[in-house]
Amino acid sequence: MTTQRTSWALAREAAGLFLTAFGLLGVLVALGALHWAAGLSAATAGLLAVGILLRPKPESPRWAHAVRAAACITGYSGLTGCAFALSVPLGWIGVSLAVALVGLWLTTREHEDEETA
């Protein structure tokens, strides 16, 4: 047995999504009015959050995993670029954190491969 949503429930959900989108747009525009790097940082942080929270199942199509990786890389690169625009040492912190995370990923990958063998 399947349940169908009423038209009122669908309209309420559509209105909620519409208001959420325009609310976020207002926040980005307001931050951009303060400083372009603040607005861009918020947008790329949101993109990074989407990439982190988007967790496709292992059996998902290959493109789903590629979309997640692209969102994470684009978001982090944007944040690092904005950090360089605000302060060069802050940008180098972002680069160093990325290098450290790749190093941690490489050290844990070998351990995962040994467990599956």
PDB file of N, CA and C in Angstrom:
ATOM      1  N   MET A   1       0.845  -1.157   0.000  1.00  0.00           N
ATOM      2  CA  MET A   1       0.000   0.000   0.000  1.00  0.00           C
ATOM      3  C   MET A   1       0.905   1.239   0.000  1.00  0.00           C
ATOM      4  N   THR A   2       0.622   2.159  -0.877  1.00  0.00           N
ATOM      5  CA  THR A   2       1.382   3.395  -0.941  1.00  0.00           C
ATOM      6  C   THR A   2       0.519   4.547  -0.440  1.00  0.00           C
ATOM      7  N   THR A   3       1.170   5.486   0.144  1.00  0.00           N
ATOM      8  CA  THR A   3       0.449   6.672   0.598  1.00  0.00           C
ATOM      9  C   THR A   3       0.848   7.834  -0.289  1.00  0.00           C
ATOM     10  N   GLN A   4      -0.109   8.634  -0.664  1.00  0.00           N
ATOM     11  CA  GLN A   4       0.154   9.800  -1.485  1.00  0.00           C
ATOM     12  C   GLN A   4      -0.020  11.052  -0.642  1.00  0.00           C
ATOM     13  N   ARG A   5       0.804  12.023  -0.923  1.00  0.00           N
ATOM     14  CA  ARG A   5       0.700  13.283  -0.202  1.00  0.00           C
ATOM     15  C   ARG A   5      -0.472  14.077  -0.751  1.00  0.00           C
ATOM     16  N   THR A   6      -1.061  14.816   0.131  1.00  0.00           N
ATOM     17  CA  THR A   6      -2.150  15.683  -0.311  1.00  0.00           C
ATOM     18  C   THR A   6      -1.565  16.887  -1.030  1.00  0.00           C
ATOM     19  N   SER A   7      -2.374  17.559  -1.789  1.00  0.00           N
ATOM     20  CA  SER A   7      -1.887  18.723  -2.517  1.00  0.00           C
ATOM     21  C   SER A   7      -1.455  19.830  -1.550  1.00  0.00           C
ATOM     22  N   TRP A   8      -2.108  19.900  -0.370  1.00  0.00           N
ATOM     23  CA  TRP A   8      -1.722  20.904   0.608  1.00  0.00           C
ATOM     24  C   TRP A   8      -0.319  20.618   1.145  1.00  0.00           C
ATOM     25  N   ALA A   9       0.005  19.364   1.385  1.00  0.00           N
ATOM     26  CA  ALA A   9       1.329  19.003   1.887  1.00  0.00           C
ATOM     27  C   ALA A   9       2.400  19.307   0.843  1.00  0.00           C
ATOM     28  N   LEU A  10       2.119  19.040  -0.407  1.00  0.00           N
ATOM     29  CA  LEU A  10       3.063  19.353  -1.476  1.00  0.00           C
ATOM     30  C   LEU A  10       3.250  20.862  -1.630  1.00  0.00           C
ATOM     31  N   ALA A  11       2.159  21.612  -1.529  1.00  0.00           N
ATOM     32  CA  ALA A  11       2.249  23.066  -1.639  1.00  0.00           C
ATOM     33  C   ALA A  11       3.055  23.641  -0.478  1.00  0.00           C
ATOM     34  N   ARG A  12       2.853  23.108   0.719  1.00  0.00           N
ATOM     35  CA  ARG A  12       3.590  23.578   1.890  1.00  0.00           C
ATOM     36  C   ARG A  12       5.077  23.277   1.749  1.00  0.00           C
ATOM     37  N   GLU A  13       5.398  22.083   1.234  1.00  0.00           N
ATOM     38  CA  GLU A  13       6.797  21.730   1.036  1.00  0.00           C
ATOM     39  C   GLU A  13       7.436  22.614  -0.035  1.00  0.00           C
ATOM     40  N   ALA A  14       6.722  22.871  -1.119  1.00  0.00           N
ATOM     41  CA  ALA A  14       7.242  23.750  -2.176  1.00  0.00           C
ATOM     42  C   ALA A  14       7.464  25.162  -1.639  1.00  0.00           C
ATOM     43  N   ALA A  15       6.532  25.654  -0.848  1.00  0.00           N
ATOM     44  CA  ALA A  15       6.688  26.987  -0.265  1.00  0.00           C
ATOM     45  C   ALA A  15       7.880  27.021   0.691  1.00  0.00           C
ATOM     46  N   GLY A  16       8.071  25.968   1.455  1.00  0.00           N
ATOM     47  CA  GLY A  16       9.211  25.898   2.365  1.00  0.00           C
ATOM     48  C   GLY A  16      10.535  25.897   1.620  1.00  0.00           C
ATOM     49  N   LEU A  17      10.628  25.140   0.537  1.00  0.00           N
ATOM     50  CA  LEU A  17      11.850  25.121  -0.264  1.00  0.00           C
ATOM     51  C   LEU A  17      12.106  26.480  -0.918  1.00  0.00           C
ATOM     52  N   PHE A  18      11.045  27.114  -1.391  1.00  0.00           N
ATOM     53  CA  PHE A  18      11.143  28.435  -2.019  1.00  0.00           C
ATOM     54  C   PHE A  18      11.650  29.461  -1.006  1.00  0.00           C
ATOM     55  N   LEU A  19      11.083  29.471   0.189  1.00  0.00           N
ATOM     56  CA  LEU A  19      11.506  30.415   1.220  1.00  0.00           C
ATOM     57  C   LEU A  19      12.933  30.143   1.684  1.00  0.00           C
ATOM     58  N   THR A  20      13.306  28.875   1.786  1.00  0.00           N
ATOM     59  CA  THR A  20      14.671  28.521   2.175  1.00  0.00           C
ATOM     60  C   THR A  20      15.674  29.024   1.147  1.00  0.00           C
ATOM     61  N   ALA A  21      15.356  28.812  -0.132  1.00  0.00           N
ATOM     62  CA  ALA A  21      16.265  29.255  -1.192  1.00  0.00           C
ATOM     63  C   ALA A  21      16.424  30.772  -1.190  1.00  0.00           C
ATOM     64  N   PHE A  22      15.326  31.499  -1.058  1.00  0.00           N
ATOM     65  CA  PHE A  22      15.430  32.952  -1.058  1.00  0.00           C
ATOM     66  C   PHE A  22      16.049  33.486   0.225  1.00  0.00           C
ATOM     67  N   GLY A  23      15.865  32.800   1.333  1.00  0.00           N
ATOM     68  CA  GLY A  23      16.525  33.200   2.572  1.00  0.00           C
ATOM     69  C   GLY A  23      18.032  33.047   2.473  1.00  0.00           C
ATOM     70  N   LEU A  24      18.482  31.928   1.921  1.00  0.00           N
ATOM     71  CA  LEU A  24      19.915  31.720   1.738  1.00  0.00           C
ATOM     72  C   LEU A  24      20.500  32.719   0.740  1.00  0.00           C
ATOM     73  N   LEU A  25      19.751  33.005  -0.315  1.00  0.00           N
ATOM     74  CA  LEU A  25      20.201  34.002  -1.275  1.00  0.00           C
ATOM     75  C   LEU A  25      20.350  35.369  -0.608  1.00  0.00           C
ATOM     76  N   GLY A  26      19.410  35.715   0.258  1.00  0.00           N
ATOM     77  CA  GLY A  26      19.501  36.984   0.983  1.00  0.00           C
ATOM     78  C   GLY A  26      20.721  37.048   1.878  1.00  0.00           C
ATOM     79  N   VAL A  27      21.036  35.948   2.547  1.00  0.00           N
ATOM     80  CA  VAL A  27      22.227  35.908   3.398  1.00  0.00           C
ATOM     81  C   VAL A  27      23.485  36.094   2.553  1.00  0.00           C
ATOM     82  N   LEU A  28      23.559  35.399   1.413  1.00  0.00           N
ATOM     83  CA  LEU A  28      24.737  35.520   0.556  1.00  0.00           C
ATOM     84  C   LEU A  28      24.892  36.926  -0.011  1.00  0.00           C
ATOM     85  N   VAL A  29      23.783  37.538  -0.401  1.00  0.00           N
ATOM     86  CA  VAL A  29      23.844  38.905  -0.929  1.00  0.00           C
ATOM     87  C   VAL A  29      24.273  39.880   0.164  1.00  0.00           C
ATOM     88  N   ALA A  30      23.731  39.710   1.376  1.00  0.00           N
ATOM     89  CA  ALA A  30      24.112  40.599   2.477  1.00  0.00           C
ATOM     90  C   ALA A  30      25.585  40.443   2.833  1.00  0.00           C
ATOM     91  N   LEU A  31      26.075  39.209   2.873  1.00  0.00           N
ATOM     92  CA  LEU A  31      27.497  39.007   3.157  1.00  0.00           C
ATOM     93  C   LEU A  31      28.358  39.561   2.033  1.00  0.00           C
ATOM     94  N   GLY A  32      27.898  39.393   0.792  1.00  0.00           N
ATOM     95  CA  GLY A  32      28.629  39.954  -0.340  1.00  0.00           C
ATOM     96  C   GLY A  32      28.670  41.466  -0.313  1.00  0.00           C
ATOM     97  N   ALA A  33      27.628  42.089   0.231  1.00  0.00           N
ATOM     98  CA  ALA A  33      27.620  43.545   0.352  1.00  0.00           C
ATOM     99  C   ALA A  33      28.643  44.010   1.390  1.00  0.00           C
ATOM    100  N   LEU A  34      28.866  43.208   2.426  1.00  0.00           N
ATOM    101  CA  LEU A  34      29.888  43.551   3.418  1.00  0.00           C
ATOM    102  C   LEU A  34      31.281  43.431   2.812  1.00  0.00           C
ATOM    103  N   HIS A  35      31.541  42.303   2.189  1.00  0.00           N
ATOM    104  CA  HIS A  35      32.829  42.059   1.527  1.00  0.00           C
ATOM    105  C   HIS A  35      32.639  40.902   0.578  1.00  0.00           C
ATOM    106  N   TRP A  36      33.196  41.011  -0.615  1.00  0.00           N
ATOM    107  CA  TRP A  36      32.994  39.964  -1.615  1.00  0.00           C
ATOM    108  C   TRP A  36      33.517  38.615  -1.140  1.00  0.00           C
ATOM    109  N   ALA A  37      34.614  38.630  -0.370  1.00  0.00           N
ATOM    110  CA  ALA A  37      35.179  37.367   0.106  1.00  0.00           C
ATOM    111  C   ALA A  37      34.278  36.708   1.149  1.00  0.00           C
ATOM    112  N   ALA A  38      33.538  37.508   1.907  1.00  0.00           N
ATOM    113  CA  ALA A  38      32.625  36.934   2.908  1.00  0.00           C
ATOM    114  C   ALA A  38      31.481  36.199   2.227  1.00  0.00           C
ATOM    115  N   GLY A  39      30.892  36.804   1.206  1.00  0.00           N
ATOM    116  CA  GLY A  39      29.816  36.144   0.470  1.00  0.00           C
ATOM    117  C   GLY A  39      30.287  34.908  -0.255  1.00  0.00           C
ATOM    118  N   LEU A  40      31.450  34.996  -0.901  1.00  0.00           N
ATOM    119  CA  LEU A  40      31.992  33.848  -1.623  1.00  0.00           C
ATOM    120  C   LEU A  40      32.405  32.739  -0.668  1.00  0.00           C
ATOM    121  N   SER A  41      32.927  33.106   0.490  1.00  0.00           N
ATOM    122  CA  SER A  41      33.292  32.100   1.496  1.00  0.00           C
ATOM    123  C   SER A  41      32.062  31.351   1.993  1.00  0.00           C
ATOM    124  N   ALA A  42      30.980  32.064   2.227  1.00  0.00           N
ATOM    125  CA  ALA A  42      29.751  31.407   2.675  1.00  0.00           C
ATOM    126  C   ALA A  42      29.205  30.477   1.603  1.00  0.00           C
ATOM    127  N   ALA A  43      29.265  30.895   0.348  1.00  0.00           N
ATOM    128  CA  ALA A  43      28.775  30.051  -0.735  1.00  0.00           C
ATOM    129  C   ALA A  43      29.622  28.795  -0.881  1.00  0.00           C
ATOM    130  N   THR A  44      30.946  28.938  -0.825  1.00  0.00           N
ATOM    131  CA  THR A  44      31.794  27.756  -0.968  1.00  0.00           C
ATOM    132  C   THR A  44      31.744  26.864   0.272  1.00  0.00           C
ATOM    133  N   ALA A  45      31.513  27.450   1.437  1.00  0.00           N
ATOM    134  CA  ALA A  45      31.324  26.633   2.640  1.00  0.00           C
ATOM    135  C   ALA A  45      30.055  25.803   2.518  1.00  0.00           C
ATOM    136  N   GLY A  46      29.008  26.400   1.961  1.00  0.00           N
ATOM    137  CA  GLY A  46      27.783  25.642   1.723  1.00  0.00           C
ATOM    138  C   GLY A  46      28.001  24.518   0.730  1.00  0.00           C
ATOM    139  N   LEU A  47      28.778  24.783  -0.314  1.00  0.00           N
ATOM    140  CA  LEU A  47      29.084  23.745  -1.297  1.00  0.00           C
ATOM    141  C   LEU A  47      29.898  22.623  -0.665  1.00  0.00           C
ATOM    142  N   LEU A  48      30.848  22.975   0.174  1.00  0.00           N
ATOM    143  CA  LEU A  48      31.636  21.968   0.884  1.00  0.00           C
ATOM    144  C   LEU A  48      30.746  21.149   1.820  1.00  0.00           C
ATOM    145  N   ALA A  49      29.831  21.801   2.502  1.00  0.00           N
ATOM    146  CA  ALA A  49      28.916  21.085   3.401  1.00  0.00           C
ATOM    147  C   ALA A  49      28.038  20.108   2.623  1.00  0.00           C
ATOM    148  N   VAL A  50      27.558  20.534   1.462  1.00  0.00           N
ATOM    149  CA  VAL A  50      26.762  19.630   0.621  1.00  0.00           C
ATOM    150  C   VAL A  50      27.601  18.428   0.216  1.00  0.00           C
ATOM    151  N   GLY A  51      28.845  18.664  -0.167  1.00  0.00           N
ATOM    152  CA  GLY A  51      29.720  17.562  -0.558  1.00  0.00           C
ATOM    153  C   GLY A  51      29.998  16.607   0.583  1.00  0.00           C
ATOM    154  N   ILE A  52      30.143  17.139   1.788  1.00  0.00           N
ATOM    155  CA  ILE A  52      30.402  16.270   2.938  1.00  0.00           C
ATOM    156  C   ILE A  52      29.149  15.497   3.329  1.00  0.00           C
ATOM    157  N   LEU A  53      28.004  16.160   3.299  1.00  0.00           N
ATOM    158  CA  LEU A  53      26.763  15.503   3.724  1.00  0.00           C
ATOM    159  C   LEU A  53      26.189  14.566   2.666  1.00  0.00           C
ATOM    160  N   LEU A  54      26.556  14.766   1.421  1.00  0.00           N
ATOM    161  CA  LEU A  54      26.087  13.902   0.335  1.00  0.00           C
ATOM    162  C   LEU A  54      26.892  12.618   0.383  1.00  0.00           C
ATOM    163  N   ARG A  55      26.275  11.552   0.854  1.00  0.00           N
ATOM    164  CA  ARG A  55      26.996  10.291   1.011  1.00  0.00           C
ATOM    165  C   ARG A  55      26.323   9.213   0.179  1.00  0.00           C
ATOM    166  N   PRO A  56      26.728   9.070  -1.093  1.00  0.00           N
ATOM    167  CA  PRO A  56      26.109   8.028  -1.912  1.00  0.00           C
ATOM    168  C   PRO A  56      26.496   6.645  -1.405  1.00  0.00           C
ATOM    169  N   LYS A  57      25.595   5.715  -1.599  1.00  0.00           N
ATOM    170  CA  LYS A  57      25.855   4.338  -1.189  1.00  0.00           C
ATOM    171  C   LYS A  57      26.950   3.746  -2.070  1.00  0.00           C
ATOM    172  N   PRO A  58      27.655   2.731  -1.583  1.00  0.00           N
ATOM    173  CA  PRO A  58      28.729   2.140  -2.395  1.00  0.00           C
ATOM    174  C   PRO A  58      28.240   1.606  -3.744  1.00  0.00           C
ATOM    175  N   GLU A  59      26.999   1.157  -3.802  1.00  0.00           N
ATOM    176  CA  GLU A  59      26.478   0.619  -5.064  1.00  0.00           C
ATOM    177  C   GLU A  59      25.875   1.707  -5.960  1.00  0.00           C
ATOM    178  N   SER A  60      25.975   2.963  -5.549  1.00  0.00           N
ATOM    179  CA  SER A  60      25.471   4.071  -6.366  1.00  0.00           C
ATOM    180  C   SER A  60      26.302   4.190  -7.640  1.00  0.00           C
ATOM    181  N   PRO A  61      25.726   4.837  -8.660  1.00  0.00           N
ATOM    182  CA  PRO A  61      26.493   5.014  -9.905  1.00  0.00           C
ATOM    183  C   PRO A  61      27.772   5.814  -9.664  1.00  0.00           C
ATOM    184  N   ARG A  62      28.709   5.603 -10.546  1.00  0.00           N
ATOM    185  CA  ARG A  62      30.014   6.256 -10.421  1.00  0.00           C
ATOM    186  C   ARG A  62      29.898   7.782 -10.447  1.00  0.00           C
ATOM    187  N   TRP A  63      28.938   8.306 -11.207  1.00  0.00           N
ATOM    188  CA  TRP A  63      28.794   9.756 -11.314  1.00  0.00           C
ATOM    189  C   TRP A  63      28.389  10.377  -9.984  1.00  0.00           C
ATOM    190  N   ALA A  64      27.654   9.637  -9.148  1.00  0.00           N
ATOM    191  CA  ALA A  64      27.245  10.178  -7.843  1.00  0.00           C
ATOM    192  C   ALA A  64      28.465  10.417  -6.956  1.00  0.00           C
ATOM    193  N   HIS A  65      29.408   9.499  -7.013  1.00  0.00           N
ATOM    194  CA  HIS A  65      30.636   9.676  -6.232  1.00  0.00           C
ATOM    195  C   HIS A  65      31.489  10.810  -6.811  1.00  0.00           C
ATOM    196  N   ALA A  66      31.471  10.945  -8.142  1.00  0.00           N
ATOM    197  CA  ALA A  66      32.217  12.026  -8.787  1.00  0.00           C
ATOM    198  C   ALA A  66      31.619  13.385  -8.433  1.00  0.00           C
ATOM    199  N   VAL A  67      30.289  13.466  -8.343  1.00  0.00           N
ATOM    200  CA  VAL A  67      29.632  14.726  -7.962  1.00  0.00           C
ATOM    201  C   VAL A  67      30.017  15.114  -6.543  1.00  0.00           C
ATOM    202  N   ARG A  68      30.055  14.132  -5.655  1.00  0.00           N
ATOM    203  CA  ARG A  68      30.438  14.418  -4.276  1.00  0.00           C
ATOM    204  C   ARG A  68      31.877  14.917  -4.208  1.00  0.00           C
ATOM    205  N   ALA A  69      32.769  14.242  -4.905  1.00  0.00           N
ATOM    206  CA  ALA A  69      34.173  14.657  -4.906  1.00  0.00           C
ATOM    207  C   ALA A  69      34.329  16.055  -5.503  1.00  0.00           C
ATOM    208  N   ALA A  70      33.603  16.323  -6.578  1.00  0.00           N
ATOM    209  CA  ALA A  70      33.694  17.646  -7.212  1.00  0.00           C
ATOM    210  C   ALA A  70      33.176  18.738  -6.282  1.00  0.00           C
ATOM    211  N   ALA A  71      32.088  18.464  -5.563  1.00  0.00           N
ATOM    212  CA  ALA A  71      31.546  19.460  -4.625  1.00  0.00           C
ATOM    213  C   ALA A  71      32.540  19.734  -3.496  1.00  0.00           C
ATOM    214  N   CYS A  72      33.156  18.684  -2.971  1.00  0.00           N
ATOM    215  CA  CYS A  72      34.126  18.866  -1.888  1.00  0.00           C
ATOM    216  C   CYS A  72      35.358  19.627  -2.372  1.00  0.00           C
ATOM    217  N   ILE A  73      35.875  19.252  -3.529  1.00  0.00           N
ATOM    218  CA  ILE A  73      37.081  19.904  -4.045  1.00  0.00           C
ATOM    219  C   ILE A  73      36.806  21.359  -4.388  1.00  0.00           C
ATOM    220  N   THR A  74      35.678  21.619  -5.047  1.00  0.00           N
ATOM    221  CA  THR A  74      35.336  22.987  -5.413  1.00  0.00           C
ATOM    222  C   THR A  74      35.104  23.847  -4.170  1.00  0.00           C
ATOM    223  N   GLY A  75      34.372  23.309  -3.195  1.00  0.00           N
ATOM    224  CA  GLY A  75      34.109  24.060  -1.971  1.00  0.00           C
ATOM    225  C   GLY A  75      35.375  24.376  -1.192  1.00  0.00           C
ATOM    226  N   TYR A  76      36.238  23.390  -1.046  1.00  0.00           N
ATOM    227  CA  TYR A  76      37.465  23.617  -0.276  1.00  0.00           C
ATOM    228  C   TYR A  76      38.410  24.549  -1.024  1.00  0.00           C
ATOM    229  N   SER A  77      38.488  24.392  -2.333  1.00  0.00           N
ATOM    230  CA  SER A  77      39.342  25.280  -3.127  1.00  0.00           C
ATOM    231  C   SER A  77      38.851  26.724  -3.048  1.00  0.00           C
ATOM    232  N   GLY A  78      37.539  26.907  -3.092  1.00  0.00           N
ATOM    233  CA  GLY A  78      36.982  28.247  -2.977  1.00  0.00           C
ATOM    234  C   GLY A  78      37.261  28.865  -1.621  1.00  0.00           C
ATOM    235  N   LEU A  79      37.124  28.071  -0.580  1.00  0.00           N
ATOM    236  CA  LEU A  79      37.419  28.586   0.765  1.00  0.00           C
ATOM    237  C   LEU A  79      38.886  28.949   0.905  1.00  0.00           C
ATOM    238  N   THR A  80      39.747  28.128   0.343  1.00  0.00           N
ATOM    239  CA  THR A  80      41.177  28.415   0.426  1.00  0.00           C
ATOM    240  C   THR A  80      41.525  29.668  -0.377  1.00  0.00           C
ATOM    241  N   GLY A  81      40.916  29.818  -1.532  1.00  0.00           N
ATOM    242  CA  GLY A  81      41.141  31.028  -2.330  1.00  0.00           C
ATOM    243  C   GLY A  81      40.682  32.286  -1.616  1.00  0.00           C
ATOM    244  N   CYS A  82      39.530  32.207  -0.981  1.00  0.00           N
ATOM    245  CA  CYS A  82      39.042  33.359  -0.213  1.00  0.00           C
ATOM    246  C   CYS A  82      39.945  33.640   0.983  1.00  0.00           C
ATOM    247  N   ALA A  83      40.477  32.587   1.588  1.00  0.00           N
ATOM    248  CA  ALA A  83      41.391  32.778   2.711  1.00  0.00           C
ATOM    249  C   ALA A  83      42.653  33.504   2.249  1.00  0.00           C
ATOM    250  N   PHE A  84      43.167  33.151   1.059  1.00  0.00           N
ATOM    251  CA  PHE A  84      44.327  33.860   0.523  1.00  0.00           C
ATOM    252  C   PHE A  84      43.992  35.321   0.253  1.00  0.00           C
ATOM    253  N   ALA A  85      42.771  35.584  -0.207  1.00  0.00           N
ATOM    254  CA  ALA A  85      42.382  36.971  -0.487  1.00  0.00           C
ATOM    255  C   ALA A  85      42.305  37.793   0.789  1.00  0.00           C
ATOM    256  N   LEU A  86      41.921  37.167   1.880  1.00  0.00           N
ATOM    257  CA  LEU A  86      41.801  37.888   3.150  1.00  0.00           C
ATOM    258  C   LEU A  86      43.143  38.022   3.858  1.00  0.00           C
ATOM    259  N   SER A  87      43.891  36.933   3.881  1.00  0.00           N
ATOM    260  CA  SER A  87      45.173  36.931   4.575  1.00  0.00           C
ATOM    261  C   SER A  87      46.001  35.776   4.032  1.00  0.00           C
ATOM    262  N   VAL A  88      47.210  36.079   3.578  1.00  0.00           N
ATOM    263  CA  VAL A  88      48.057  35.041   2.978  1.00  0.00           C
ATOM    264  C   VAL A  88      48.369  33.913   3.961  1.00  0.00           C
ATOM    265  N   PRO A  89      48.715  34.195   5.216  1.00  0.00           N
ATOM    266  CA  PRO A  89      48.949  33.083   6.149  1.00  0.00           C
ATOM    267  C   PRO A  89      47.708  32.207   6.353  1.00  0.00           C
ATOM    268  N   LEU A  90      46.535  32.822   6.348  1.00  0.00           N
ATOM    269  CA  LEU A  90      45.300  32.053   6.479  1.00  0.00           C
ATOM    270  C   LEU A  90      45.129  31.114   5.285  1.00  0.00           C
ATOM    271  N   GLY A  91      45.482  31.571   4.101  1.00  0.00           N
ATOM    272  CA  GLY A  91      45.425  30.725   2.919  1.00  0.00           C
ATOM    273  C   GLY A  91      46.383  29.559   3.008  1.00  0.00           C
ATOM    274  N   TRP A  92      47.585  29.827   3.516  1.00  0.00           N
ATOM    275  CA  TRP A  92      48.549  28.731   3.655  1.00  0.00           C
ATOM    276  C   TRP A  92      48.102  27.718   4.708  1.00  0.00           C
ATOM    277  N   ILE A  93      47.350  28.166   5.688  1.00  0.00           N
ATOM    278  CA  ILE A  93      46.771  27.209   6.647  1.00  0.00           C
ATOM    279  C   ILE A  93      45.815  26.272   5.918  1.00  0.00           C
ATOM    280  N   GLY A  94      44.998  26.828   5.013  1.00  0.00           N
ATOM    281  CA  GLY A  94      44.079  25.991   4.234  1.00  0.00           C
ATOM    282  C   GLY A  94      44.808  24.991   3.360  1.00  0.00           C
ATOM    283  N   VAL A  95      45.890  25.420   2.724  1.00  0.00           N
ATOM    284  CA  VAL A  95      46.685  24.508   1.893  1.00  0.00           C
ATOM    285  C   VAL A  95      47.316  23.421   2.759  1.00  0.00           C
ATOM    286  N   SER A  96      47.870  23.804   3.900  1.00  0.00           N
ATOM    287  CA  SER A  96      48.518  22.839   4.788  1.00  0.00           C
ATOM    288  C   SER A  96      47.524  21.821   5.336  1.00  0.00           C
ATOM    289  N   LEU A  97      46.321  22.279   5.653  1.00  0.00           N
ATOM    290  CA  LEU A  97      45.299  21.339   6.129  1.00  0.00           C
ATOM    291  C   LEU A  97      44.925  20.333   5.044  1.00  0.00           C
ATOM    292  N   ALA A  98      44.847  20.789   3.809  1.00  0.00           N
ATOM    293  CA  ALA A  98      44.532  19.876   2.711  1.00  0.00           C
ATOM    294  C   ALA A  98      45.634  18.839   2.546  1.00  0.00           C
ATOM    295  N   VAL A  99      46.893  19.268   2.634  1.00  0.00           N
ATOM    296  CA  VAL A  99      48.016  18.330   2.520  1.00  0.00           C
ATOM    297  C   VAL A  99      47.979  17.323   3.673  1.00  0.00           C
ATOM    298  N   ALA A 100      47.693  17.786   4.881  1.00  0.00           N
ATOM    299  CA  ALA A 100      47.617  16.884   6.032  1.00  0.00           C
ATOM    300  C   ALA A 100      46.472  15.879   5.871  1.00  0.00           C
ATOM    301  N   LEU A 101      45.338  16.341   5.354  1.00  0.00           N
ATOM    302  CA  LEU A 101      44.208  15.422   5.152  1.00  0.00           C
ATOM    303  C   LEU A 101      44.510  14.366   4.100  1.00  0.00           C
ATOM    304  N   VAL A 102      45.190  14.758   3.037  1.00  0.00           N
ATOM    305  CA  VAL A 102      45.588  13.771   2.024  1.00  0.00           C
ATOM    306  C   VAL A 102      46.562  12.776   2.630  1.00  0.00           C
ATOM    307  N   GLY A 103      47.484  13.243   3.452  1.00  0.00           N
ATOM    308  CA  GLY A 103      48.415  12.336   4.128  1.00  0.00           C
ATOM    309  C   GLY A 103      47.698  11.352   5.037  1.00  0.00           C
ATOM    310  N   LEU A 104      46.713  11.837   5.789  1.00  0.00           N
ATOM    311  CA  LEU A 104      45.929  10.928   6.637  1.00  0.00           C
ATOM    312  C   LEU A 104      45.143   9.931   5.807  1.00  0.00           C
ATOM    313  N   TRP A 105      44.582  10.398   4.691  1.00  0.00           N
ATOM    314  CA  TRP A 105      43.820   9.503   3.824  1.00  0.00           C
ATOM    315  C   TRP A 105      44.724   8.400   3.275  1.00  0.00           C
ATOM    316  N   LEU A 106      45.945   8.751   2.872  1.00  0.00           N
ATOM    317  CA  LEU A 106      46.869   7.757   2.330  1.00  0.00           C
ATOM    318  C   LEU A 106      47.289   6.746   3.381  1.00  0.00           C
ATOM    319  N   THR A 107      47.482   7.184   4.617  1.00  0.00           N
ATOM    320  CA  THR A 107      47.904   6.238   5.654  1.00  0.00           C
ATOM    321  C   THR A 107      46.775   5.305   6.056  1.00  0.00           C
ATOM    322  N   THR A 108      45.538   5.753   5.990  1.00  0.00           N
ATOM    323  CA  THR A 108      44.430   4.877   6.365  1.00  0.00           C
ATOM    324  C   THR A 108      43.993   3.981   5.217  1.00  0.00           C
ATOM    325  N   ARG A 109      44.280   4.325   3.975  1.00  0.00           N
ATOM    326  CA  ARG A 109      43.890   3.499   2.831  1.00  0.00           C
ATOM    327  C   ARG A 109      44.603   2.162   2.859  1.00  0.00           C
ATOM    328  N   GLU A 110      45.880   2.148   3.203  1.00  0.00           N
ATOM    329  CA  GLU A 110      46.628   0.895   3.228  1.00  0.00           C
ATOM    330  C   GLU A 110      46.036  -0.044   4.266  1.00  0.00           C
ATOM    331  N   HIS A 111      45.668   0.502   5.396  1.00  0.00           N
ATOM    332  CA  HIS A 111      45.078  -0.304   6.463  1.00  0.00           C
ATOM    333  C   HIS A 111      43.753  -0.913   6.009  1.00  0.00           C
ATOM    334  N   GLU A 112      42.934  -0.152   5.278  1.00  0.00           N
ATOM    335  CA  GLU A 112      41.652  -0.656   4.777  1.00  0.00           C
ATOM    336  C   GLU A 112      41.878  -1.749   3.751  1.00  0.00           C
ATOM    337  N   ASP A 113      42.902  -1.602   2.895  1.00  0.00           N
ATOM    338  CA  ASP A 113      43.181  -2.606   1.874  1.00  0.00           C
ATOM    339  C   ASP A 113      43.635  -3.918   2.491  1.00  0.00           C
ATOM    340  N   GLU A 114      44.391  -3.861   3.584  1.00  0.00           N
ATOM    341  CA  GLU A 114      44.840  -5.075   4.252  1.00  0.00           C
ATOM    342  C   GLU A 114      43.693  -5.813   4.900  1.00  0.00           C
ATOM    343  N   GLU A 115      42.690  -5.084   5.420  1.00  0.00           N
ATOM    344  CA  GLU A 115      41.548  -5.723   6.058  1.00  0.00           C
ATOM    345  C   GLU A 115      40.684  -6.486   5.068  1.00  0.00           C
ATOM    346  N   THR A 116      40.570  -5.980   3.846  1.00  0.00           N
ATOM    347  CA  THR A 116      39.714  -6.639   2.860  1.00  0.00           C
ATOM    348  C   THR A 116      40.433  -7.811   2.202  1.00  0.00           C
ATOM    349  N   ALA A 117      41.752  -7.882   2.302  1.00  0.00           N
ATOM    350  CA  ALA A 117      42.497  -8.973   1.667  1.00  0.00           C
ATOM    351  C   ALA A 117      42.473 -10.215   2.507  1.00  0.00           C
TER     352      ALA A 117
END
